[in-house]
Amino acid sequence: MFIKKLLYYLNPVNLFHRDPEADTNLRMMHGVNKISLVMFVLCLGVMLVRWLAR
């Protein structure tokens, strides 16, 4: 379930999708969550590259 939700958030088609029924606060919260998730995955990639470069 977690992997499915992660892949849904990382899908570029869903990245900028807007829910018409959501209010402004909910949309902002989802936007911040998506940004933090992308930054986390990028940081994991950088850490992996640094670990493999040793």
C-alpha atoms as a PDB file:
ATOM      1  CA  MET A   1       0.000   0.000   0.000  1.00  0.00           C
ATOM      2  CA  PHE A   2       2.812   2.415   0.886  1.00  0.00           C
ATOM      3  CA  ILE A   3       4.682   1.736  -2.378  1.00  0.00           C
ATOM      4  CA  LYS A   4       1.485   2.224  -4.390  1.00  0.00           C
ATOM      5  CA  LYS A   5       0.839   5.614  -2.739  1.00  0.00           C
ATOM      6  CA  LEU A   6       4.498   6.640  -3.229  1.00  0.00           C
ATOM      7  CA  LEU A   7       4.368   5.808  -6.932  1.00  0.00           C
ATOM      8  CA  TYR A   8       1.087   7.719  -7.253  1.00  0.00           C
ATOM      9  CA  TYR A   9       2.687  10.848  -5.749  1.00  0.00           C
ATOM     10  CA  LEU A  10       5.826  10.545  -7.898  1.00  0.00           C
ATOM     11  CA  ASN A  11       3.884  10.123 -11.140  1.00  0.00           C
ATOM     12  CA  PRO A  12       4.373  13.356 -13.152  1.00  0.00           C
ATOM     13  CA  VAL A  13       0.779  13.211 -14.401  1.00  0.00           C
ATOM     14  CA  ASN A  14      -0.557  13.307 -10.834  1.00  0.00           C
ATOM     15  CA  LEU A  15       2.045  15.783  -9.593  1.00  0.00           C
ATOM     16  CA  PHE A  16       0.137  18.828 -10.856  1.00  0.00           C
ATOM     17  CA  HIS A  17      -3.364  17.322 -10.727  1.00  0.00           C
ATOM     18  CA  ARG A  18      -5.899  19.435  -8.822  1.00  0.00           C
ATOM     19  CA  ASP A  19      -8.854  18.079  -6.945  1.00  0.00           C
ATOM     20  CA  PRO A  20     -11.762  20.436  -7.713  1.00  0.00           C
ATOM     21  CA  GLU A  21     -13.548  19.540  -4.467  1.00  0.00           C
ATOM     22  CA  ALA A  22     -10.573  20.293  -2.192  1.00  0.00           C
ATOM     23  CA  ASP A  23     -10.348  23.622  -0.399  1.00  0.00           C
ATOM     24  CA  THR A  24      -7.264  25.837  -0.461  1.00  0.00           C
ATOM     25  CA  ASN A  25      -5.758  24.562   2.788  1.00  0.00           C
ATOM     26  CA  LEU A  26      -6.011  20.933   1.704  1.00  0.00           C
ATOM     27  CA  ARG A  27      -4.431  21.697  -1.678  1.00  0.00           C
ATOM     28  CA  MET A  28      -1.546  23.539   0.010  1.00  0.00           C
ATOM     29  CA  MET A  29      -1.015  20.640   2.404  1.00  0.00           C
ATOM     30  CA  HIS A  30      -0.873  18.136  -0.458  1.00  0.00           C
ATOM     31  CA  GLY A  31       1.514  20.407  -2.358  1.00  0.00           C
ATOM     32  CA  VAL A  32       3.895  20.637   0.583  1.00  0.00           C
ATOM     33  CA  ASN A  33       3.712  16.866   1.065  1.00  0.00           C
ATOM     34  CA  LYS A  34       4.594  16.280  -2.583  1.00  0.00           C
ATOM     35  CA  ILE A  35       7.530  18.697  -2.423  1.00  0.00           C
ATOM     36  CA  SER A  36       8.886  17.071   0.731  1.00  0.00           C
ATOM     37  CA  LEU A  37       8.502  13.585  -0.750  1.00  0.00           C
ATOM     38  CA  VAL A  38      10.393  14.556  -3.907  1.00  0.00           C
ATOM     39  CA  MET A  39      13.169  16.162  -1.842  1.00  0.00           C
ATOM     40  CA  PHE A  40      13.412  13.026   0.323  1.00  0.00           C
ATOM     41  CA  VAL A  41      13.760  10.761  -2.715  1.00  0.00           C
ATOM     42  CA  LEU A  42      16.397  13.079  -4.230  1.00  0.00           C
ATOM     43  CA  CYS A  43      18.373  13.074  -0.981  1.00  0.00           C
ATOM     44  CA  LEU A  44      18.230   9.289  -0.851  1.00  0.00           C
ATOM     45  CA  GLY A  45      19.623   9.238  -4.387  1.00  0.00           C
ATOM     46  CA  VAL A  46      22.474  11.595  -3.451  1.00  0.00           C
ATOM     47  CA  MET A  47      23.301   9.508  -0.387  1.00  0.00           C
ATOM     48  CA  LEU A  48      23.306   6.336  -2.495  1.00  0.00           C
ATOM     49  CA  VAL A  49      25.623   7.904  -5.086  1.00  0.00           C
ATOM     50  CA  ARG A  50      28.014   9.109  -2.379  1.00  0.00           C
ATOM     51  CA  TRP A  51      27.986   5.685  -0.732  1.00  0.00           C
ATOM     52  CA  LEU A  52      28.732   3.936  -4.037  1.00  0.00           C
ATOM     53  CA  ALA A  53      31.510   6.420  -4.874  1.00  0.00           C
ATOM     54  CA  ARG A  54      33.539   5.423  -1.800  1.00  0.00           C
END
